[in-house]
Amino acid sequence: MDDVTWAAPEAELTTTGRTSGLPRTIEIWFVVREGTVYLLAEGGEQAHWVRNIVVNPLVRLRVGGLDFAGRGRIVSDLAESERALEF
């Protein structure tokens, strides 16, 4: 994804189940800011996909016909979170 700031209604996020080791895919809202993809966890750190990333940060993100692989991280910096959600 380029450095253009944009958002789409949803994407498919695949993480590895922290106990099963199996792929787990969900539909999720996202936004891209300056080349970084931010995902919103409505359940915060209790969301299963967030807990999966803590154990294994390797993820796949599918947006339309595009498929990306990367490393997830939990954003704990409040200022970064606020910048990601500005429209």
Protein backbone atom coordinates (compact mmCIF):
# COMPACT_ATOMS: atom_id res chain seq x y z
CA MET A 1 0.00 0.00 0.00
CA ASP A 2 1.35 3.39 -0.87
CA ASP A 3 1.65 6.48 1.31
CA VAL A 4 -1.78 7.79 0.37
CA THR A 5 -4.15 8.13 3.31
CA TRP A 6 -7.29 6.17 2.54
CA ALA A 7 -9.87 3.91 4.09
CA ALA A 8 -12.14 1.17 2.79
CA PRO A 9 -15.16 -0.41 4.41
CA GLU A 10 -13.44 -3.63 5.36
CA ALA A 11 -10.66 -6.12 4.79
CA GLU A 12 -10.01 -9.73 5.70
CA LEU A 13 -7.39 -10.23 8.40
CA THR A 14 -5.84 -13.65 8.92
CA THR A 15 -3.93 -14.38 12.10
CA THR A 16 -2.65 -17.64 13.55
CA GLY A 17 -4.72 -19.00 16.43
CA ARG A 18 -2.69 -18.64 19.60
CA THR A 19 -3.66 -22.09 20.93
CA SER A 20 -4.72 -24.00 17.80
CA GLY A 21 -2.02 -22.76 15.43
CA LEU A 22 -4.69 -22.65 12.72
CA PRO A 23 -5.39 -19.69 10.43
CA ARG A 24 -8.19 -17.45 11.74
CA THR A 25 -9.80 -14.97 9.34
CA ILE A 26 -12.15 -12.11 10.21
CA GLU A 27 -13.61 -9.15 8.36
CA ILE A 28 -12.39 -5.91 9.87
CA TRP A 29 -12.44 -2.14 9.38
CA PHE A 30 -9.10 -0.53 8.61
CA VAL A 31 -7.41 2.73 7.63
CA VAL A 32 -4.03 3.44 6.05
CA ARG A 33 -1.97 6.37 7.24
CA GLU A 34 1.46 7.12 5.77
CA GLY A 35 2.02 3.53 4.69
CA THR A 36 0.86 1.92 7.95
CA VAL A 37 -2.33 -0.13 8.10
CA TYR A 38 -4.32 0.39 11.30
CA LEU A 39 -7.06 -2.02 12.39
CA LEU A 40 -9.69 -1.19 14.97
CA ALA A 41 -10.26 -3.70 17.77
CA GLU A 42 -13.67 -2.97 19.22
CA GLY A 43 -12.90 -5.39 22.06
CA GLY A 44 -9.51 -3.81 22.69
CA GLU A 45 -6.84 -6.19 23.94
CA GLN A 46 -9.49 -8.83 24.65
CA ALA A 47 -10.28 -9.28 20.95
CA HIS A 48 -9.17 -12.75 19.87
CA TRP A 49 -7.31 -11.45 16.82
CA VAL A 50 -5.36 -9.02 19.01
CA ARG A 51 -4.45 -11.81 21.42
CA ASN A 52 -3.36 -13.92 18.43
CA ILE A 53 -1.03 -11.15 17.21
CA VAL A 54 0.57 -10.87 20.66
CA VAL A 55 1.56 -14.56 20.41
CA ASN A 56 2.37 -14.61 16.67
CA PRO A 57 2.61 -11.24 14.90
CA LEU A 58 2.67 -12.67 11.34
CA VAL A 59 -0.56 -11.65 9.57
CA ARG A 60 -2.17 -11.52 6.14
CA LEU A 61 -4.50 -8.76 5.03
CA ARG A 62 -6.73 -9.07 1.97
CA VAL A 63 -8.31 -5.92 0.53
CA GLY A 64 -10.34 -6.46 -2.61
CA GLY A 65 -8.08 -8.49 -4.89
CA LEU A 66 -4.88 -7.49 -3.08
CA ASP A 67 -3.17 -9.74 -0.53
CA PHE A 68 -0.52 -8.46 1.87
CA ALA A 69 1.68 -10.22 4.43
CA GLY A 70 3.22 -8.42 7.36
CA ARG A 71 3.83 -8.19 11.09
CA GLY A 72 1.14 -6.91 13.39
CA ARG A 73 1.82 -4.86 16.49
CA ILE A 74 -0.38 -3.45 19.20
CA VAL A 75 -0.46 0.35 19.26
CA SER A 76 -0.16 1.47 22.86
CA ASP A 77 0.77 5.09 22.13
CA LEU A 78 -2.39 7.19 22.54
CA ALA A 79 -1.15 9.93 20.19
CA GLU A 80 -0.49 7.40 17.42
CA SER A 81 -3.95 5.87 17.92
CA GLU A 82 -5.62 9.27 17.70
CA ARG A 83 -3.69 10.21 14.52
CA ALA A 84 -4.71 6.92 12.90
CA LEU A 85 -8.39 7.60 13.50
CA GLU A 86 -8.50 11.23 12.34
CA PHE A 87 -10.64 11.87 9.26
